[in-house]
Amino acid sequence: FLGLSVTVLGLFLSRIKVYPAAEAEALDDNRLLRLVVNITYQRQVATLALDVMLIALAYYTAYILRFEDSFAAHSERLLQSMPIVIACQALSFLVLKVHHGVWRYTGVRDAFTIAKAAVLGTGLTVGVVALALGLEGYSRAVFVIDAVLLVVFVGASRLSMRVLEEVFRPRFGASRRVVVYGADDQGVLVCRGLLNNPSLARTVVGFIDDDPANHKRRILGIPVLGDSEELAAILRSAQVDEVLISSADIAPARLSRVAAECEAHGVSLSHAALQIQ
C-alpha cells in the first residue's frame, strides 16, 4: 500500500516540469536521450509500473477472497501463475494504451477502456495458463474476481489524481459566488471550466434551470437551486455575486427578467456560450 501511495503521489508531483527550455534544446542532438526524457516526462513508464503493481495486487487479493482460510494450500498455484497474469494483463494494457490516458480528465470512456483491457487480459491469461500449466486445480472464479478487482483498482488510481488536484487546488484569494443559468450540457461544460480553472476566481454555488425535472438534483456535486422565477430568493439566500448564462437558447423575455433581477440585487450578469466557428 505504501508503495502504491508513493507512486501515485509521485505521478501527481511529476506534473511539474523539471527540464527547463534551455536544457531541453541542448538535448536536440541526442535523439535517444530526448526520447527517454519525453517518456519520463509523460509519466507513461511510471503509469505502466503502477499498473503492473495493481495487476499483481488484484490477482493476489482475488486468491485471498476466493480461498480465505485455505489460501495457503493454493499459494503455490498463485506463485506459478502470477508471472503469466502480469505479462498477459500488461500486454493487454499496452495494446489498448491504458497508460496513455491523462489522469485528471479520466471519464467514462477511460473506464470502458480499462474494463476492456482487464477482460482481454483475463481471457489471454486463462488461455496461456491452460496451455502452460493446465487449468486443473485453478478456480475459474479467481479469474473473474481478478478482472473485477483490476478494473476497480486501476480506476481508483486514475480518480486519485482528480482527488489530489481537488485537495491541493491552488486558491487565488477571494472568489466570486456564481450561479450558472442552465443545467444542460452547455451549463455542465461551463461549470467544469470554472472548476478546472481556479485562476478565474469563481466558485459555482448552484445551477438555475427552468426544467422542473432538474430541480432538487445535483450536477457535479452542485445543487440545482430552482428556476428563473425563484431567482430573487436564490440571489439572496446563496449570496450570489454573479449569474452566468450558459446558453444562447434562453428566451429573450426570460433573459430580460433575469437581467432586471440581477440589476435590482446588484449582481453581475455574464454570458458564456459555447461557439464553434
Protein backbone atom coordinates (compact mmCIF):
# COMPACT_ATOMS: atom_id res chain seq x y z
CA PHE A 1 0.00 0.00 0.00
CA LEU A 2 2.84 2.37 0.86
CA GLY A 3 4.49 1.69 -2.49
CA LEU A 4 1.26 2.37 -4.38
CA SER A 5 0.67 5.59 -2.43
CA VAL A 6 4.19 6.83 -3.11
CA THR A 7 3.84 6.03 -6.82
CA VAL A 8 0.53 7.88 -7.15
CA LEU A 9 1.87 10.88 -5.24
CA GLY A 10 5.00 10.84 -7.38
CA LEU A 11 2.91 10.90 -10.55
CA PHE A 12 0.94 13.83 -9.17
CA LEU A 13 4.08 15.79 -8.31
CA SER A 14 5.70 14.90 -11.63
CA ARG A 15 3.22 17.14 -13.42
CA ILE A 16 5.67 19.93 -12.63
CA LYS A 17 8.19 20.33 -15.42
CA VAL A 18 11.73 19.65 -14.29
CA TYR A 19 13.51 20.30 -17.61
CA PRO A 20 13.86 23.99 -18.49
CA ALA A 21 13.60 25.01 -22.13
CA ALA A 22 17.33 25.73 -22.48
CA GLU A 23 18.22 22.26 -21.23
CA ALA A 24 15.66 20.64 -23.50
CA GLU A 25 17.17 22.42 -26.51
CA ALA A 26 20.60 21.13 -25.52
CA LEU A 27 19.30 17.59 -25.94
CA ASP A 28 18.34 18.09 -29.58
CA ASP A 29 21.46 16.36 -30.89
CA ASN A 30 20.80 13.19 -28.94
CA ARG A 31 17.57 11.62 -30.14
CA LEU A 32 17.75 8.63 -27.84
CA LEU A 33 18.20 10.81 -24.76
CA ARG A 34 15.35 13.08 -25.93
CA LEU A 35 13.13 10.02 -26.27
CA VAL A 36 13.92 8.89 -22.73
CA VAL A 37 13.25 12.39 -21.40
CA ASN A 38 9.92 12.59 -23.23
CA ILE A 39 8.77 9.20 -21.98
CA THR A 40 9.78 10.12 -18.44
CA TYR A 41 8.07 13.49 -18.64
CA GLN A 42 4.84 11.97 -19.96
CA ARG A 43 4.85 9.56 -17.00
CA GLN A 44 3.87 6.63 -19.18
CA VAL A 45 6.57 4.37 -17.78
CA ALA A 46 5.62 5.23 -14.19
CA THR A 47 1.95 4.69 -15.01
CA LEU A 48 2.66 1.29 -16.52
CA ALA A 49 4.78 0.36 -13.48
CA LEU A 50 1.90 1.31 -11.21
CA ASP A 51 -0.48 -0.77 -13.32
CA VAL A 52 1.82 -3.79 -13.02
CA MET A 53 1.74 -3.46 -9.22
CA LEU A 54 -2.05 -3.21 -9.33
CA ILE A 55 -2.26 -6.27 -11.59
CA ALA A 56 -0.28 -8.29 -9.05
CA LEU A 57 -2.29 -6.89 -6.13
CA ALA A 58 -5.62 -7.67 -7.81
CA TYR A 59 -4.64 -11.28 -8.52
CA TYR A 60 -3.29 -11.79 -5.00
CA THR A 61 -6.45 -10.28 -3.48
CA ALA A 62 -8.65 -12.46 -5.70
CA TYR A 63 -6.99 -15.55 -4.26
CA ILE A 64 -7.49 -14.33 -0.70
CA LEU A 65 -11.18 -13.57 -1.32
CA ARG A 66 -11.78 -16.88 -3.08
CA PHE A 67 -10.00 -19.26 -0.72
CA GLU A 68 -9.79 -17.35 2.60
CA ASP A 69 -8.79 -19.95 5.23
CA SER A 70 -7.45 -22.39 2.63
CA PHE A 71 -5.28 -19.75 0.94
CA ALA A 72 -2.01 -21.44 1.97
CA ALA A 73 -2.99 -24.62 0.16
CA HIS A 74 -3.35 -22.71 -3.11
CA SER A 75 -0.39 -20.35 -2.73
CA GLU A 76 1.82 -22.48 -4.98
CA ARG A 77 -0.58 -22.12 -7.90
CA LEU A 78 -0.74 -18.40 -7.19
CA LEU A 79 3.03 -18.08 -7.45
CA GLN A 80 3.21 -20.27 -10.56
CA SER A 81 0.59 -18.29 -12.44
CA MET A 82 1.46 -14.78 -11.20
CA PRO A 83 4.12 -14.10 -13.91
CA ILE A 84 1.64 -15.18 -16.59
CA VAL A 85 -1.07 -12.92 -15.18
CA ILE A 86 1.27 -9.92 -15.02
CA ALA A 87 2.60 -10.50 -18.54
CA CYS A 88 -0.84 -11.03 -20.14
CA GLN A 89 -2.56 -8.14 -18.37
CA ALA A 90 0.36 -5.78 -19.01
CA LEU A 91 0.32 -6.75 -22.69
CA SER A 92 -3.41 -6.07 -22.84
CA PHE A 93 -2.93 -2.68 -21.17
CA LEU A 94 -0.19 -1.84 -23.68
CA VAL A 95 -2.30 -2.88 -26.68
CA LEU A 96 -5.28 -0.77 -25.55
CA LYS A 97 -2.96 2.07 -24.39
CA VAL A 98 -4.44 2.28 -20.92
CA HIS A 99 -1.29 4.02 -19.69
CA HIS A 100 -1.68 6.82 -22.28
CA GLY A 101 -4.65 8.44 -20.56
CA VAL A 102 -4.46 11.84 -18.88
CA TRP A 103 -5.48 11.13 -15.30
CA ARG A 104 -7.03 14.49 -14.50
CA TYR A 105 -9.54 14.01 -17.34
CA THR A 106 -10.43 10.40 -16.56
CA GLY A 107 -14.03 9.71 -17.53
CA VAL A 108 -16.48 7.04 -18.65
CA ARG A 109 -14.60 6.24 -21.85
CA ASP A 110 -11.42 5.64 -19.88
CA ALA A 111 -13.34 3.33 -17.55
CA PHE A 112 -14.58 1.33 -20.56
CA THR A 113 -11.02 1.09 -21.88
CA ILE A 114 -9.78 -0.17 -18.52
CA ALA A 115 -12.61 -2.72 -18.38
CA LYS A 116 -11.91 -3.94 -21.92
CA ALA A 117 -8.21 -4.28 -21.13
CA ALA A 118 -8.94 -6.27 -17.96
CA VAL A 119 -11.34 -8.62 -19.77
CA LEU A 120 -8.94 -9.09 -22.68
CA GLY A 121 -6.04 -9.71 -20.31
CA THR A 122 -8.08 -12.20 -18.29
CA GLY A 123 -9.05 -14.13 -21.40
CA LEU A 124 -5.44 -14.20 -22.53
CA THR A 125 -4.34 -15.29 -19.05
CA VAL A 126 -6.76 -18.22 -18.97
CA GLY A 127 -5.56 -19.34 -22.40
CA VAL A 128 -1.87 -19.18 -21.51
CA VAL A 129 -2.38 -20.84 -18.12
CA ALA A 130 -4.35 -23.64 -19.81
CA LEU A 131 -1.54 -24.23 -22.32
CA ALA A 132 1.41 -23.80 -19.96
CA LEU A 133 0.16 -25.16 -16.64
CA GLY A 134 -3.23 -26.71 -17.26
CA LEU A 135 -6.41 -25.46 -15.61
CA GLU A 136 -6.72 -28.38 -13.21
CA GLY A 137 -6.66 -27.04 -9.68
CA TYR A 138 -7.29 -23.44 -10.77
CA SER A 139 -10.56 -21.81 -9.76
CA ARG A 140 -12.37 -20.06 -12.61
CA ALA A 141 -13.90 -17.73 -10.02
CA VAL A 142 -10.43 -16.39 -9.22
CA PHE A 143 -10.03 -15.08 -12.76
CA VAL A 144 -13.45 -13.41 -12.67
CA ILE A 145 -12.76 -11.79 -9.29
CA ASP A 146 -9.34 -10.73 -10.53
CA ALA A 147 -10.82 -8.93 -13.56
CA VAL A 148 -13.34 -7.07 -11.40
CA LEU A 149 -10.74 -6.06 -8.83
CA LEU A 150 -8.33 -4.92 -11.51
CA VAL A 151 -10.93 -2.58 -13.01
CA VAL A 152 -11.67 -1.19 -9.53
CA PHE A 153 -8.01 -0.76 -8.56
CA VAL A 154 -6.89 0.85 -11.82
CA GLY A 155 -9.98 3.06 -11.98
CA ALA A 156 -9.41 4.19 -8.39
CA SER A 157 -5.78 5.01 -9.16
CA ARG A 158 -6.86 7.26 -12.01
CA LEU A 159 -9.52 9.00 -9.94
CA SER A 160 -6.99 9.55 -7.16
CA MET A 161 -5.31 12.19 -9.30
CA ARG A 162 -8.53 14.17 -9.51
CA VAL A 163 -8.95 13.87 -5.73
CA LEU A 164 -5.40 15.10 -5.14
CA GLU A 165 -5.93 18.01 -7.51
CA GLU A 166 -9.10 18.97 -5.68
CA VAL A 167 -7.37 18.76 -2.28
CA PHE A 168 -4.32 20.72 -3.42
CA ARG A 169 -6.17 23.06 -5.77
CA PRO A 170 -4.46 26.48 -5.66
CA ARG A 171 -6.51 29.35 -4.24
CA PHE A 172 -6.41 32.82 -5.74
CA GLY A 173 -7.77 34.94 -2.95
CA ALA A 174 -11.46 35.72 -2.60
CA SER A 175 -13.62 34.20 -5.33
CA ARG A 176 -16.96 35.34 -6.71
CA ARG A 177 -20.01 33.22 -5.88
CA VAL A 178 -21.60 32.22 -9.16
CA VAL A 179 -24.82 30.51 -10.21
CA VAL A 180 -24.97 29.05 -13.71
CA TYR A 181 -28.25 29.58 -15.56
CA GLY A 182 -28.81 26.36 -17.48
CA ALA A 183 -28.27 22.84 -16.13
CA ASP A 184 -27.94 21.31 -19.60
CA ASP A 185 -24.82 20.07 -21.40
CA GLN A 186 -23.57 23.60 -22.02
CA GLY A 187 -24.10 24.53 -18.39
CA VAL A 188 -22.15 21.49 -17.24
CA LEU A 189 -19.36 22.36 -19.68
CA VAL A 190 -19.17 25.91 -18.31
CA CYS A 191 -19.20 24.61 -14.75
CA ARG A 192 -16.37 22.17 -15.49
CA GLY A 193 -14.38 25.01 -16.98
CA LEU A 194 -14.74 27.05 -13.81
CA LEU A 195 -13.91 24.08 -11.59
CA ASN A 196 -10.78 23.28 -13.60
CA ASN A 197 -9.54 26.87 -13.73
CA PRO A 198 -9.26 28.27 -10.19
CA SER A 199 -7.39 31.28 -11.60
CA LEU A 200 -10.80 32.58 -12.77
CA ALA A 201 -11.61 33.08 -9.05
CA ARG A 202 -15.21 31.88 -9.35
CA THR A 203 -16.99 29.38 -7.13
CA VAL A 204 -20.12 27.77 -8.57
CA VAL A 205 -22.67 27.58 -5.75
CA GLY A 206 -25.57 26.29 -7.82
CA PHE A 207 -27.49 26.00 -11.07
CA ILE A 208 -30.69 27.67 -12.17
CA ASP A 209 -32.82 25.72 -14.64
CA ASP A 210 -36.38 26.08 -15.89
CA ASP A 211 -36.88 22.33 -16.36
CA PRO A 212 -38.74 21.03 -13.27
CA ALA A 213 -37.17 17.58 -13.78
CA ASN A 214 -33.80 19.02 -12.77
CA HIS A 215 -34.96 20.73 -9.59
CA LYS A 216 -33.56 19.48 -6.26
CA ARG A 217 -30.95 17.46 -8.11
CA ARG A 218 -27.16 17.76 -8.05
CA ILE A 219 -24.84 18.05 -11.04
CA LEU A 220 -21.09 17.62 -10.49
CA GLY A 221 -21.96 17.72 -6.80
CA ILE A 222 -23.55 21.18 -7.18
CA PRO A 223 -27.27 21.68 -6.46
CA VAL A 224 -29.91 22.92 -8.89
CA LEU A 225 -31.39 25.68 -6.74
CA GLY A 226 -34.57 26.38 -8.70
CA ASP A 227 -35.86 28.14 -11.80
CA SER A 228 -35.71 31.71 -13.04
CA GLU A 229 -38.98 32.54 -11.26
CA GLU A 230 -37.20 31.94 -7.95
CA LEU A 231 -34.13 33.95 -8.92
CA ALA A 232 -34.66 36.78 -6.43
CA ALA A 233 -34.84 34.38 -3.47
CA ILE A 234 -31.85 32.40 -4.77
CA LEU A 235 -29.71 35.52 -5.12
CA ARG A 236 -30.39 36.44 -1.51
CA SER A 237 -30.12 33.01 0.10
CA ALA A 238 -26.99 31.90 -1.80
CA GLN A 239 -25.30 35.32 -1.52
CA VAL A 240 -24.65 35.31 -5.26
CA ASP A 241 -22.15 37.73 -6.82
CA GLU A 242 -22.67 36.75 -10.45
CA VAL A 243 -25.18 34.96 -12.68
CA LEU A 244 -23.56 33.21 -15.63
CA ILE A 245 -25.75 32.50 -18.67
CA SER A 246 -24.51 29.26 -20.23
CA SER A 247 -26.82 29.00 -23.24
CA ALA A 248 -27.83 31.17 -26.17
CA ASP A 249 -31.21 29.39 -26.42
CA ILE A 250 -32.91 31.07 -23.46
CA ALA A 251 -35.98 33.08 -24.42
CA PRO A 252 -35.39 36.86 -24.61
CA ALA A 253 -38.26 37.53 -22.19
CA ARG A 254 -36.66 35.34 -19.54
CA LEU A 255 -33.27 36.92 -20.11
CA SER A 256 -34.79 40.36 -19.62
CA ARG A 257 -36.40 39.25 -16.37
CA VAL A 258 -33.13 37.73 -15.15
CA ALA A 259 -31.23 40.89 -16.08
CA ALA A 260 -33.73 43.02 -14.18
CA GLU A 261 -33.46 40.85 -11.05
CA CYS A 262 -29.66 40.93 -11.19
CA GLU A 263 -29.65 44.71 -11.53
CA ALA A 264 -32.09 45.08 -8.65
CA HIS A 265 -29.87 42.98 -6.37
CA GLY A 266 -26.54 44.41 -7.52
CA VAL A 267 -25.46 41.10 -9.06
CA SER A 268 -23.32 40.87 -12.20
CA LEU A 269 -24.72 39.14 -15.29
CA SER A 270 -22.36 37.41 -17.72
CA HIS A 271 -22.67 35.17 -20.79
CA ALA A 272 -20.55 32.11 -21.56
CA ALA A 273 -21.99 30.34 -24.61
CA LEU A 274 -20.03 27.68 -26.49
CA GLN A 275 -19.39 28.61 -30.12
CA ILE A 276 -17.63 26.72 -32.91
CA GLN A 277 -16.63 28.84 -35.89
